[in-house]
Amino acid sequence: AVLDILEKYSKITPVWVELGLQTAKDKTAVYINRCYPTSVYIEAAKKLTERNIPFVTHIILGLPGETEEDFCELAEFIKTERFDRAGVFKYSKEEDTPAAEFDSQIDEDIKEKRYNALMELQQRISLENNQKKISTIQEVITEGYDEDNFMYFGRSRADSIGVDSLVYFAAEDEVALGENIRIYANLSPNATGSVSFSMIGYFSPRNKPVSDSKSSWYIA
């Protein structure tokens, strides 16, 4: 439905779109009552990529009957589609749900192994996606100041509150909380312990203006 709206109204550009994939295999999708086959999500990802719209998803690992081959196909799917973000969750039996009654439940240690492998894969993809933003201008809303790292932090328009990663940035002058600013993205692995899901940038009100001449914000 979202893609139909985007095709009908070409001027609408969402900051991101969530594709409720949950699993890459149609045979396991029946356990969670997913409405569409995987092919629909593949086509959606293709169209979103063409329009340069970020897309995210969430994955449920360890559904009943999930084989090692199924998991490998899921990992390959993630590699191919390169989601900007993917929340990964381990399936657990819930009372009065269809999946809880199925045989072939997956052992917890197997779920944990697959979870760790998929999270490591997504971290690499997220890091590579962030590296593409180096030397670009990103809009950020300021949420606080990290006294340990001497950096402000906030969210880009594509980051959900309390779910997605933060954007960290240094600034020459004080920045007010809640202020919308534009930063120069300069991802540096040495600036923080983990940068796979975070972006690092720099804000300066003293240098040349950003491309939008009406803006009072400037970048380094």
N, C-alpha and C. Protein backbone atom coordinates (compact mmCIF):
# COMPACT_ATOMS: atom_id res chain seq x y z
N ALA A 1 0.82 -1.19 0.00
CA ALA A 1 0.00 0.00 0.00
C ALA A 1 0.87 1.26 0.00
N VAL A 2 1.95 1.24 0.78
CA VAL A 2 2.85 2.39 0.84
C VAL A 2 3.46 2.66 -0.52
N LEU A 3 3.89 1.62 -1.19
CA LEU A 3 4.50 1.79 -2.51
C LEU A 3 3.49 2.32 -3.52
N ASP A 4 2.25 1.88 -3.41
CA ASP A 4 1.20 2.40 -4.31
C ASP A 4 1.04 3.91 -4.13
N ILE A 5 1.08 4.35 -2.88
CA ILE A 5 0.96 5.78 -2.58
C ILE A 5 2.16 6.54 -3.14
N LEU A 6 3.36 5.97 -2.97
CA LEU A 6 4.57 6.63 -3.46
C LEU A 6 4.57 6.76 -4.98
N GLU A 7 4.05 5.72 -5.65
CA GLU A 7 3.98 5.77 -7.11
C GLU A 7 2.94 6.77 -7.58
N LYS A 8 1.86 6.89 -6.84
CA LYS A 8 0.79 7.81 -7.23
C LYS A 8 1.17 9.25 -6.95
N TYR A 9 1.87 9.47 -5.83
CA TYR A 9 2.26 10.83 -5.44
C TYR A 9 3.79 10.90 -5.40
N SER A 10 4.38 11.19 -6.52
CA SER A 10 5.83 11.13 -6.67
C SER A 10 6.58 12.15 -5.81
N LYS A 11 5.88 13.21 -5.38
CA LYS A 11 6.54 14.25 -4.59
C LYS A 11 6.66 13.86 -3.12
N ILE A 12 5.96 12.80 -2.72
CA ILE A 12 6.06 12.34 -1.33
C ILE A 12 7.34 11.51 -1.18
N THR A 13 8.18 11.90 -0.22
CA THR A 13 9.40 11.15 0.05
C THR A 13 9.52 10.89 1.54
N PRO A 14 9.13 9.71 2.01
CA PRO A 14 9.23 9.41 3.44
C PRO A 14 10.69 9.32 3.88
N VAL A 15 10.94 9.59 5.15
CA VAL A 15 12.33 9.52 5.63
C VAL A 15 12.81 8.08 5.69
N TRP A 16 11.92 7.15 5.92
CA TRP A 16 12.25 5.72 5.85
C TRP A 16 10.96 4.92 5.80
N VAL A 17 11.08 3.68 5.36
CA VAL A 17 9.93 2.78 5.26
C VAL A 17 10.29 1.46 5.93
N GLU A 18 9.38 0.95 6.75
CA GLU A 18 9.63 -0.36 7.37
C GLU A 18 8.94 -1.45 6.56
N LEU A 19 9.72 -2.45 6.20
CA LEU A 19 9.19 -3.62 5.51
C LEU A 19 9.07 -4.75 6.53
N GLY A 20 7.86 -5.15 6.83
CA GLY A 20 7.64 -6.15 7.88
C GLY A 20 7.96 -7.56 7.43
N LEU A 21 9.20 -7.81 7.10
CA LEU A 21 9.61 -9.10 6.53
C LEU A 21 9.44 -10.24 7.53
N GLN A 22 10.07 -10.13 8.69
CA GLN A 22 10.06 -11.12 9.77
C GLN A 22 10.80 -12.41 9.43
N THR A 23 10.59 -12.95 8.25
CA THR A 23 11.31 -14.14 7.81
C THR A 23 11.41 -14.12 6.29
N ALA A 24 12.50 -14.69 5.77
CA ALA A 24 12.71 -14.68 4.32
C ALA A 24 12.07 -15.89 3.65
N LYS A 25 11.56 -16.83 4.44
CA LYS A 25 11.00 -18.05 3.89
C LYS A 25 9.48 -18.02 3.98
N ASP A 26 8.83 -18.25 2.85
CA ASP A 26 7.37 -18.26 2.85
C ASP A 26 6.81 -19.40 3.70
N LYS A 27 7.55 -20.49 3.79
CA LYS A 27 7.03 -21.65 4.54
C LYS A 27 6.95 -21.36 6.04
N THR A 28 7.86 -20.52 6.56
CA THR A 28 7.80 -20.15 7.98
C THR A 28 6.93 -18.92 8.21
N ALA A 29 6.66 -18.17 7.15
CA ALA A 29 5.82 -16.97 7.29
C ALA A 29 4.40 -17.33 7.71
N VAL A 30 3.96 -18.55 7.39
CA VAL A 30 2.59 -18.95 7.75
C VAL A 30 2.43 -19.04 9.27
N TYR A 31 3.54 -19.26 10.00
CA TYR A 31 3.45 -19.36 11.46
C TYR A 31 3.13 -18.02 12.11
N ILE A 32 3.43 -16.93 11.42
CA ILE A 32 3.22 -15.60 11.99
C ILE A 32 2.16 -14.82 11.22
N ASN A 33 1.44 -15.52 10.35
CA ASN A 33 0.34 -14.91 9.59
C ASN A 33 0.78 -13.71 8.77
N ARG A 34 1.98 -13.80 8.18
CA ARG A 34 2.41 -12.72 7.30
C ARG A 34 1.59 -12.74 6.03
N CYS A 35 1.19 -11.56 5.57
CA CYS A 35 0.20 -11.48 4.49
C CYS A 35 0.80 -11.64 3.10
N TYR A 36 2.09 -11.30 2.92
CA TYR A 36 2.66 -11.24 1.58
C TYR A 36 3.83 -12.20 1.43
N PRO A 37 4.04 -12.72 0.21
CA PRO A 37 5.21 -13.57 -0.03
C PRO A 37 6.49 -12.73 -0.05
N THR A 38 7.62 -13.39 0.11
CA THR A 38 8.91 -12.70 0.16
C THR A 38 9.17 -11.90 -1.11
N SER A 39 8.67 -12.38 -2.24
CA SER A 39 8.90 -11.69 -3.51
C SER A 39 8.37 -10.25 -3.48
N VAL A 40 7.30 -10.01 -2.73
CA VAL A 40 6.74 -8.66 -2.62
C VAL A 40 7.72 -7.73 -1.91
N TYR A 41 8.39 -8.25 -0.88
CA TYR A 41 9.35 -7.45 -0.13
C TYR A 41 10.60 -7.17 -0.97
N ILE A 42 10.99 -8.14 -1.77
CA ILE A 42 12.14 -7.94 -2.65
C ILE A 42 11.86 -6.83 -3.66
N GLU A 43 10.66 -6.84 -4.24
CA GLU A 43 10.28 -5.81 -5.19
C GLU A 43 10.19 -4.45 -4.51
N ALA A 44 9.67 -4.43 -3.28
CA ALA A 44 9.56 -3.18 -2.54
C ALA A 44 10.95 -2.60 -2.25
N ALA A 45 11.87 -3.46 -1.83
CA ALA A 45 13.23 -3.00 -1.54
C ALA A 45 13.89 -2.43 -2.78
N LYS A 46 13.64 -3.05 -3.92
CA LYS A 46 14.20 -2.56 -5.19
C LYS A 46 13.68 -1.17 -5.51
N LYS A 47 12.38 -0.95 -5.36
CA LYS A 47 11.78 0.34 -5.69
C LYS A 47 12.25 1.42 -4.72
N LEU A 48 12.38 1.07 -3.45
CA LEU A 48 12.85 2.05 -2.46
C LEU A 48 14.31 2.43 -2.72
N THR A 49 15.12 1.45 -3.11
CA THR A 49 16.51 1.73 -3.43
C THR A 49 16.61 2.68 -4.62
N GLU A 50 15.77 2.47 -5.62
CA GLU A 50 15.77 3.32 -6.81
C GLU A 50 15.44 4.77 -6.45
N ARG A 51 14.62 4.96 -5.41
CA ARG A 51 14.24 6.31 -4.99
C ARG A 51 15.11 6.83 -3.85
N ASN A 52 16.11 6.04 -3.48
CA ASN A 52 17.04 6.43 -2.42
C ASN A 52 16.32 6.68 -1.10
N ILE A 53 15.33 5.84 -0.80
CA ILE A 53 14.59 5.92 0.45
C ILE A 53 15.08 4.80 1.38
N PRO A 54 15.57 5.14 2.57
CA PRO A 54 16.04 4.10 3.49
C PRO A 54 14.91 3.15 3.86
N PHE A 55 15.24 1.87 4.02
CA PHE A 55 14.22 0.92 4.46
C PHE A 55 14.78 0.01 5.53
N VAL A 56 13.92 -0.30 6.48
CA VAL A 56 14.32 -1.10 7.64
C VAL A 56 13.39 -2.30 7.74
N THR A 57 13.75 -3.24 8.60
CA THR A 57 12.89 -4.41 8.79
C THR A 57 13.14 -4.99 10.16
N HIS A 58 12.38 -6.01 10.51
CA HIS A 58 12.65 -6.77 11.72
C HIS A 58 12.55 -8.25 11.37
N ILE A 59 13.42 -9.02 11.97
CA ILE A 59 13.55 -10.45 11.68
C ILE A 59 13.26 -11.26 12.93
N ILE A 60 12.50 -12.33 12.78
CA ILE A 60 12.28 -13.27 13.88
C ILE A 60 13.04 -14.56 13.56
N LEU A 61 14.03 -14.87 14.36
CA LEU A 61 14.83 -16.08 14.16
C LEU A 61 14.27 -17.24 14.97
N GLY A 62 14.52 -18.44 14.47
CA GLY A 62 14.18 -19.63 15.22
C GLY A 62 12.72 -20.00 15.22
N LEU A 63 12.00 -19.63 14.18
CA LEU A 63 10.61 -20.07 14.06
C LEU A 63 10.57 -21.59 13.91
N PRO A 64 9.50 -22.23 14.32
CA PRO A 64 9.41 -23.70 14.20
C PRO A 64 9.72 -24.18 12.79
N GLY A 65 10.57 -25.20 12.71
CA GLY A 65 10.91 -25.78 11.41
C GLY A 65 12.01 -25.05 10.67
N GLU A 66 12.58 -24.02 11.23
CA GLU A 66 13.65 -23.27 10.56
C GLU A 66 14.92 -24.13 10.52
N THR A 67 15.37 -24.50 9.34
CA THR A 67 16.55 -25.32 9.17
C THR A 67 17.79 -24.45 9.00
N GLU A 68 18.94 -25.09 9.03
CA GLU A 68 20.19 -24.35 8.80
C GLU A 68 20.20 -23.77 7.39
N GLU A 69 19.65 -24.51 6.45
CA GLU A 69 19.55 -24.01 5.08
C GLU A 69 18.67 -22.77 5.02
N ASP A 70 17.55 -22.80 5.75
CA ASP A 70 16.66 -21.63 5.81
C ASP A 70 17.40 -20.42 6.35
N PHE A 71 18.18 -20.63 7.41
CA PHE A 71 18.91 -19.51 8.01
C PHE A 71 19.95 -18.95 7.04
N CYS A 72 20.64 -19.82 6.33
CA CYS A 72 21.64 -19.37 5.36
C CYS A 72 20.99 -18.55 4.25
N GLU A 73 19.81 -18.96 3.83
CA GLU A 73 19.07 -18.21 2.82
C GLU A 73 18.66 -16.84 3.36
N LEU A 74 18.28 -16.79 4.64
CA LEU A 74 17.92 -15.52 5.27
C LEU A 74 19.13 -14.59 5.31
N ALA A 75 20.29 -15.12 5.71
CA ALA A 75 21.50 -14.31 5.77
C ALA A 75 21.87 -13.79 4.38
N GLU A 76 21.72 -14.62 3.38
CA GLU A 76 22.02 -14.20 2.01
C GLU A 76 21.04 -13.13 1.56
N PHE A 77 19.80 -13.26 1.98
CA PHE A 77 18.79 -12.26 1.65
C PHE A 77 19.16 -10.91 2.25
N ILE A 78 19.59 -10.91 3.51
CA ILE A 78 20.01 -9.68 4.19
C ILE A 78 21.20 -9.07 3.48
N LYS A 79 22.15 -9.91 3.06
CA LYS A 79 23.32 -9.42 2.32
C LYS A 79 22.91 -8.73 1.02
N THR A 80 21.95 -9.33 0.34
CA THR A 80 21.54 -8.82 -0.97
C THR A 80 20.73 -7.53 -0.86
N GLU A 81 19.76 -7.51 0.06
CA GLU A 81 18.85 -6.37 0.16
C GLU A 81 19.47 -5.21 0.93
N ARG A 82 20.41 -5.48 1.83
CA ARG A 82 21.17 -4.45 2.54
C ARG A 82 20.25 -3.44 3.22
N PHE A 83 19.47 -3.92 4.15
CA PHE A 83 18.60 -3.04 4.93
C PHE A 83 19.43 -2.01 5.69
N ASP A 84 18.92 -0.79 5.77
CA ASP A 84 19.63 0.23 6.54
C ASP A 84 19.68 -0.15 8.01
N ARG A 85 18.61 -0.75 8.48
CA ARG A 85 18.58 -1.27 9.86
C ARG A 85 17.72 -2.52 9.87
N ALA A 86 18.09 -3.43 10.74
CA ALA A 86 17.29 -4.65 10.89
C ALA A 86 17.26 -5.03 12.36
N GLY A 87 16.08 -5.01 12.94
CA GLY A 87 15.94 -5.49 14.31
C GLY A 87 15.81 -7.00 14.29
N VAL A 88 16.62 -7.69 15.08
CA VAL A 88 16.63 -9.15 15.09
C VAL A 88 16.12 -9.64 16.44
N PHE A 89 15.16 -10.56 16.39
CA PHE A 89 14.57 -11.08 17.62
C PHE A 89 14.52 -12.61 17.55
N LYS A 90 14.68 -13.24 18.70
CA LYS A 90 14.60 -14.70 18.78
C LYS A 90 13.16 -15.10 19.10
N TYR A 91 12.64 -16.02 18.32
CA TYR A 91 11.27 -16.48 18.54
C TYR A 91 11.14 -17.16 19.89
N SER A 92 10.04 -16.86 20.58
CA SER A 92 9.72 -17.55 21.82
C SER A 92 8.24 -17.94 21.78
N LYS A 93 7.94 -19.06 22.36
CA LYS A 93 6.57 -19.57 22.34
C LYS A 93 5.64 -18.65 23.14
N GLU A 94 4.56 -18.26 22.52
CA GLU A 94 3.55 -17.44 23.19
C GLU A 94 2.25 -18.23 23.27
N GLU A 95 1.67 -18.21 24.43
CA GLU A 95 0.44 -18.97 24.65
C GLU A 95 -0.67 -18.51 23.70
N ASP A 96 -1.41 -19.48 23.19
CA ASP A 96 -2.56 -19.22 22.32
C ASP A 96 -2.16 -18.62 20.96
N THR A 97 -0.96 -18.95 20.51
CA THR A 97 -0.54 -18.55 19.16
C THR A 97 -0.34 -19.81 18.33
N PRO A 98 -0.60 -19.74 17.01
CA PRO A 98 -0.47 -20.93 16.17
C PRO A 98 0.92 -21.55 16.22
N ALA A 99 1.96 -20.72 16.21
CA ALA A 99 3.32 -21.25 16.15
C ALA A 99 3.70 -22.05 17.38
N ALA A 100 3.10 -21.74 18.50
CA ALA A 100 3.43 -22.43 19.74
C ALA A 100 3.02 -23.89 19.71
N GLU A 101 2.07 -24.22 18.86
CA GLU A 101 1.55 -25.59 18.79
C GLU A 101 2.27 -26.45 17.76
N PHE A 102 3.13 -25.85 16.96
CA PHE A 102 3.82 -26.62 15.93
C PHE A 102 4.95 -27.45 16.51
N ASP A 103 5.22 -28.57 15.85
CA ASP A 103 6.39 -29.37 16.20
C ASP A 103 7.64 -28.69 15.64
N SER A 104 8.78 -29.32 15.83
CA SER A 104 10.06 -28.84 15.30
C SER A 104 10.44 -27.48 15.88
N GLN A 105 10.21 -27.30 17.19
CA GLN A 105 10.67 -26.09 17.86
C GLN A 105 12.21 -26.09 17.88
N ILE A 106 12.81 -24.91 17.77
CA ILE A 106 14.26 -24.78 17.66
C ILE A 106 14.88 -24.61 19.04
N ASP A 107 16.01 -25.31 19.28
CA ASP A 107 16.71 -25.20 20.56
C ASP A 107 17.22 -23.78 20.78
N GLU A 108 17.25 -23.38 22.05
CA GLU A 108 17.65 -22.01 22.39
C GLU A 108 19.10 -21.72 22.00
N ASP A 109 19.98 -22.71 22.14
CA ASP A 109 21.39 -22.47 21.81
C ASP A 109 21.57 -22.24 20.31
N ILE A 110 20.74 -22.90 19.49
CA ILE A 110 20.79 -22.67 18.03
C ILE A 110 20.28 -21.28 17.71
N LYS A 111 19.20 -20.86 18.38
CA LYS A 111 18.68 -19.50 18.18
C LYS A 111 19.74 -18.46 18.51
N GLU A 112 20.43 -18.67 19.62
CA GLU A 112 21.45 -17.71 20.06
C GLU A 112 22.59 -17.63 19.06
N LYS A 113 23.02 -18.77 18.55
CA LYS A 113 24.10 -18.80 17.56
C LYS A 113 23.69 -18.05 16.29
N ARG A 114 22.49 -18.29 15.82
CA ARG A 114 22.01 -17.64 14.60
C ARG A 114 21.79 -16.14 14.84
N TYR A 115 21.33 -15.80 16.03
CA TYR A 115 21.13 -14.39 16.37
C TYR A 115 22.46 -13.64 16.32
N ASN A 116 23.48 -14.19 16.94
CA ASN A 116 24.79 -13.53 16.96
C ASN A 116 25.36 -13.38 15.55
N ALA A 117 25.19 -14.40 14.73
CA ALA A 117 25.71 -14.36 13.37
C ALA A 117 25.00 -13.29 12.54
N LEU A 118 23.67 -13.21 12.70
CA LEU A 118 22.92 -12.23 11.91
C LEU A 118 23.18 -10.80 12.37
N MET A 119 23.33 -10.61 13.69
CA MET A 119 23.64 -9.28 14.21
C MET A 119 25.02 -8.82 13.72
N GLU A 120 25.98 -9.73 13.68
CA GLU A 120 27.31 -9.38 13.17
C GLU A 120 27.24 -8.98 11.70
N LEU A 121 26.44 -9.71 10.93
CA LEU A 121 26.26 -9.39 9.52
C LEU A 121 25.63 -8.01 9.35
N GLN A 122 24.56 -7.74 10.11
CA GLN A 122 23.88 -6.46 9.98
C GLN A 122 24.75 -5.30 10.44
N GLN A 123 25.61 -5.53 11.43
CA GLN A 123 26.53 -4.48 11.88
C GLN A 123 27.48 -4.09 10.75
N ARG A 124 27.95 -5.09 10.01
CA ARG A 124 28.86 -4.79 8.89
C ARG A 124 28.12 -3.98 7.82
N ILE A 125 26.89 -4.38 7.53
CA ILE A 125 26.11 -3.67 6.52
C ILE A 125 25.82 -2.24 6.97
N SER A 126 25.44 -2.07 8.23
CA SER A 126 25.14 -0.73 8.74
C SER A 126 26.38 0.16 8.71
N LEU A 127 27.52 -0.41 9.05
CA LEU A 127 28.77 0.36 9.01
C LEU A 127 29.07 0.79 7.58
N GLU A 128 28.93 -0.12 6.63
CA GLU A 128 29.18 0.22 5.23
C GLU A 128 28.20 1.28 4.73
N ASN A 129 26.94 1.19 5.17
CA ASN A 129 25.96 2.21 4.79
C ASN A 129 26.32 3.57 5.39
N ASN A 130 26.80 3.56 6.64
CA ASN A 130 27.20 4.81 7.28
C ASN A 130 28.42 5.42 6.60
N GLN A 131 29.34 4.57 6.16
CA GLN A 131 30.54 5.07 5.51
C GLN A 131 30.22 5.82 4.22
N LYS A 132 29.10 5.46 3.60
CA LYS A 132 28.68 6.16 2.37
C LYS A 132 28.23 7.59 2.67
N LYS A 133 27.96 7.87 3.95
CA LYS A 133 27.50 9.21 4.33
C LYS A 133 28.64 10.16 4.67
N ILE A 134 29.86 9.64 4.67
CA ILE A 134 31.01 10.49 4.98
C ILE A 134 31.07 11.64 3.98
N SER A 135 31.33 12.84 4.49
CA SER A 135 31.44 14.06 3.69
C SER A 135 30.10 14.52 3.13
N THR A 136 29.03 14.08 3.75
CA THR A 136 27.70 14.57 3.36
C THR A 136 27.12 15.38 4.51
N ILE A 137 26.07 16.13 4.21
CA ILE A 137 25.38 16.92 5.23
C ILE A 137 24.17 16.14 5.72
N GLN A 138 24.04 16.03 7.04
CA GLN A 138 22.93 15.30 7.64
C GLN A 138 22.18 16.19 8.61
N GLU A 139 20.85 16.15 8.56
CA GLU A 139 20.03 16.92 9.49
C GLU A 139 19.85 16.14 10.79
N VAL A 140 20.03 16.83 11.91
CA VAL A 140 20.00 16.18 13.22
C VAL A 140 19.24 17.06 14.20
N ILE A 141 18.44 16.44 15.07
CA ILE A 141 17.83 17.15 16.18
C ILE A 141 18.63 16.81 17.44
N THR A 142 19.08 17.84 18.14
CA THR A 142 19.97 17.67 19.29
C THR A 142 19.18 17.18 20.50
N GLU A 143 19.69 16.09 21.15
CA GLU A 143 18.98 15.52 22.28
C GLU A 143 19.77 15.59 23.58
N GLY A 144 21.09 15.75 23.50
CA GLY A 144 21.85 15.78 24.75
C GLY A 144 23.33 15.94 24.50
N TYR A 145 24.09 15.85 25.61
CA TYR A 145 25.55 16.00 25.54
C TYR A 145 26.19 14.85 26.30
N ASP A 146 27.11 14.15 25.65
CA ASP A 146 27.83 13.03 26.25
C ASP A 146 29.10 13.56 26.90
N GLU A 147 29.11 13.65 28.22
CA GLU A 147 30.24 14.23 28.93
C GLU A 147 31.48 13.35 28.87
N ASP A 148 31.29 12.05 28.71
CA ASP A 148 32.45 11.15 28.64
C ASP A 148 33.21 11.32 27.33
N ASN A 149 32.48 11.53 26.23
CA ASN A 149 33.12 11.66 24.92
C ASN A 149 33.20 13.11 24.44
N PHE A 150 32.67 14.05 25.26
CA PHE A 150 32.70 15.47 24.92
C PHE A 150 32.05 15.74 23.55
N MET A 151 30.92 15.11 23.34
CA MET A 151 30.21 15.27 22.07
C MET A 151 28.71 15.38 22.33
N TYR A 152 28.04 16.17 21.48
CA TYR A 152 26.59 16.20 21.50
C TYR A 152 26.07 14.94 20.80
N PHE A 153 24.80 14.64 21.05
CA PHE A 153 24.18 13.53 20.33
C PHE A 153 22.74 13.88 20.01
N GLY A 154 22.22 13.22 19.00
CA GLY A 154 20.84 13.45 18.59
C GLY A 154 20.41 12.39 17.61
N ARG A 155 19.35 12.67 16.87
CA ARG A 155 18.82 11.72 15.90
C ARG A 155 18.68 12.39 14.54
N SER A 156 18.92 11.60 13.52
CA SER A 156 18.60 12.06 12.18
C SER A 156 17.11 11.82 11.95
N ARG A 157 16.60 12.28 10.85
CA ARG A 157 15.17 12.12 10.58
C ARG A 157 14.79 10.65 10.41
N ALA A 158 15.76 9.82 10.11
CA ALA A 158 15.48 8.41 9.87
C ALA A 158 15.62 7.54 11.12
N ASP A 159 15.91 8.17 12.27
CA ASP A 159 16.13 7.42 13.51
C ASP A 159 14.91 7.52 14.43
N SER A 160 14.39 6.37 14.84
CA SER A 160 13.25 6.34 15.76
C SER A 160 13.72 6.53 17.20
N ILE A 161 12.91 7.19 18.02
CA ILE A 161 13.25 7.43 19.41
C ILE A 161 13.32 6.11 20.17
N GLY A 162 14.42 5.90 20.89
CA GLY A 162 14.56 4.74 21.74
C GLY A 162 14.75 3.42 21.02
N VAL A 163 14.84 3.46 19.70
CA VAL A 163 14.99 2.22 18.92
C VAL A 163 16.28 2.23 18.12
N ASP A 164 16.46 3.26 17.34
CA ASP A 164 17.61 3.31 16.43
C ASP A 164 18.81 3.98 17.09
N SER A 165 19.90 4.01 16.35
CA SER A 165 21.15 4.55 16.86
C SER A 165 21.11 6.07 16.93
N LEU A 166 22.12 6.64 17.54
CA LEU A 166 22.23 8.08 17.69
C LEU A 166 23.29 8.64 16.74
N VAL A 167 23.22 9.93 16.53
CA VAL A 167 24.23 10.65 15.78
C VAL A 167 25.05 11.47 16.78
N TYR A 168 26.36 11.29 16.78
CA TYR A 168 27.25 12.05 17.67
C TYR A 168 27.97 13.12 16.86
N PHE A 169 28.11 14.30 17.45
CA PHE A 169 28.80 15.36 16.72
C PHE A 169 29.49 16.33 17.68
N ALA A 170 30.64 16.81 17.26
CA ALA A 170 31.37 17.84 17.98
C ALA A 170 30.89 19.20 17.51
N ALA A 171 31.03 20.21 18.35
CA ALA A 171 30.57 21.55 17.99
C ALA A 171 31.50 22.59 18.60
N GLU A 172 31.74 23.66 17.86
CA GLU A 172 32.59 24.74 18.35
C GLU A 172 31.90 25.52 19.46
N ASP A 173 30.59 25.73 19.32
CA ASP A 173 29.83 26.50 20.29
C ASP A 173 28.72 25.64 20.89
N GLU A 174 28.11 26.14 21.94
CA GLU A 174 27.04 25.41 22.60
C GLU A 174 25.83 25.26 21.68
N VAL A 175 25.23 24.09 21.72
CA VAL A 175 24.05 23.80 20.92
C VAL A 175 22.88 23.53 21.86
N ALA A 176 21.77 24.16 21.63
CA ALA A 176 20.61 24.01 22.50
C ALA A 176 19.91 22.67 22.25
N LEU A 177 19.44 22.05 23.32
CA LEU A 177 18.69 20.81 23.19
C LEU A 177 17.39 21.07 22.42
N GLY A 178 17.04 20.16 21.55
CA GLY A 178 15.86 20.31 20.73
C GLY A 178 16.08 21.11 19.47
N GLU A 179 17.32 21.56 19.29
CA GLU A 179 17.63 22.38 18.12
C GLU A 179 17.89 21.51 16.90
N ASN A 180 17.27 21.87 15.79
CA ASN A 180 17.52 21.19 14.52
C ASN A 180 18.74 21.81 13.85
N ILE A 181 19.75 21.01 13.56
CA ILE A 181 20.96 21.52 12.94
C ILE A 181 21.36 20.62 11.78
N ARG A 182 22.33 21.07 11.03
CA ARG A 182 22.91 20.26 9.96
C ARG A 182 24.38 20.05 10.26
N ILE A 183 24.80 18.80 10.20
CA ILE A 183 26.19 18.49 10.52
C ILE A 183 26.90 17.92 9.30
N TYR A 184 28.20 18.03 9.34
CA TYR A 184 29.05 17.44 8.31
C TYR A 184 29.45 16.06 8.81
N ALA A 185 29.00 15.03 8.13
CA ALA A 185 29.26 13.66 8.58
C ALA A 185 30.72 13.29 8.34
N ASN A 186 31.37 12.82 9.39
CA ASN A 186 32.78 12.46 9.30
C ASN A 186 33.02 11.25 10.19
N LEU A 187 32.57 10.10 9.73
CA LEU A 187 32.63 8.87 10.51
C LEU A 187 34.07 8.50 10.81
N SER A 188 34.39 8.25 12.08
CA SER A 188 35.75 7.91 12.48
C SER A 188 35.73 6.78 13.48
N PRO A 189 36.29 5.62 13.15
CA PRO A 189 36.31 4.48 14.09
C PRO A 189 37.05 4.80 15.37
N ASN A 190 37.91 5.81 15.36
CA ASN A 190 38.68 6.13 16.56
C ASN A 190 37.92 7.03 17.53
N ALA A 191 36.78 7.53 17.10
CA ALA A 191 36.07 8.51 17.92
C ALA A 191 35.16 7.86 18.96
N THR A 192 34.81 6.62 18.75
CA THR A 192 33.94 5.94 19.70
C THR A 192 34.19 4.44 19.61
N GLY A 193 33.72 3.71 20.62
CA GLY A 193 34.01 2.28 20.65
C GLY A 193 33.31 1.49 19.57
N SER A 194 32.12 1.92 19.17
CA SER A 194 31.37 1.20 18.16
C SER A 194 30.69 2.19 17.24
N VAL A 195 30.92 2.07 15.96
CA VAL A 195 30.32 3.02 15.02
C VAL A 195 29.47 2.32 13.97
N SER A 196 29.20 1.04 14.16
CA SER A 196 28.43 0.31 13.17
C SER A 196 27.06 0.91 12.95
N PHE A 197 26.39 1.30 14.05
CA PHE A 197 25.04 1.82 13.95
C PHE A 197 24.97 3.32 14.19
N SER A 198 26.08 3.94 14.52
CA SER A 198 26.09 5.37 14.83
C SER A 198 26.82 6.15 13.76
N MET A 199 26.48 7.42 13.66
CA MET A 199 27.15 8.32 12.72
C MET A 199 27.81 9.43 13.52
N ILE A 200 28.96 9.87 13.07
CA ILE A 200 29.71 10.90 13.77
C ILE A 200 29.91 12.08 12.83
N GLY A 201 29.74 13.29 13.35
CA GLY A 201 29.87 14.45 12.50
C GLY A 201 30.41 15.66 13.24
N TYR A 202 30.36 16.81 12.57
CA TYR A 202 30.91 18.04 13.11
C TYR A 202 30.00 19.20 12.75
N PHE A 203 29.77 20.08 13.74
CA PHE A 203 28.91 21.24 13.52
C PHE A 203 29.67 22.51 13.87
N SER A 204 29.69 23.46 12.96
CA SER A 204 30.34 24.73 13.21
C SER A 204 29.51 25.86 12.63
N PRO A 205 29.17 26.89 13.44
CA PRO A 205 28.41 28.02 12.93
C PRO A 205 29.30 29.10 12.32
N ARG A 206 30.58 28.81 12.17
CA ARG A 206 31.51 29.86 11.76
C ARG A 206 32.04 29.71 10.35
N ASN A 207 31.86 28.55 9.77
CA ASN A 207 32.41 28.33 8.45
C ASN A 207 31.36 28.55 7.37
N LYS A 208 31.65 28.07 6.18
CA LYS A 208 30.77 28.36 5.05
C LYS A 208 29.39 27.76 5.25
N PRO A 209 28.35 28.39 4.69
CA PRO A 209 26.99 27.89 4.88
C PRO A 209 26.75 26.60 4.11
N VAL A 210 25.74 25.86 4.54
CA VAL A 210 25.34 24.66 3.82
C VAL A 210 24.66 25.08 2.54
N SER A 211 24.31 24.10 1.69
CA SER A 211 23.81 24.40 0.36
C SER A 211 22.51 25.20 0.39
N ASP A 212 21.70 25.03 1.44
CA ASP A 212 20.46 25.77 1.57
C ASP A 212 20.77 27.18 2.06
N SER A 213 20.69 28.16 1.19
CA SER A 213 21.10 29.52 1.52
C SER A 213 20.18 30.16 2.56
N LYS A 214 18.98 29.62 2.75
CA LYS A 214 18.05 30.20 3.70
C LYS A 214 18.36 29.72 5.12
N SER A 215 19.20 28.72 5.26
CA SER A 215 19.50 28.17 6.56
C SER A 215 20.54 29.03 7.28
N SER A 216 20.40 29.14 8.60
CA SER A 216 21.38 29.89 9.37
C SER A 216 22.45 28.97 9.94
N TRP A 217 22.39 27.68 9.57
CA TRP A 217 23.35 26.72 10.11
C TRP A 217 24.48 26.50 9.13
N TYR A 218 25.66 26.24 9.67
CA TYR A 218 26.85 26.12 8.85
C TYR A 218 27.58 24.83 9.20
N ILE A 219 28.44 24.41 8.29
CA ILE A 219 29.19 23.17 8.51
C ILE A 219 30.66 23.44 8.38
N ALA A 220 31.47 22.49 8.88
CA ALA A 220 32.93 22.64 8.77
C ALA A 220 33.35 22.40 7.34
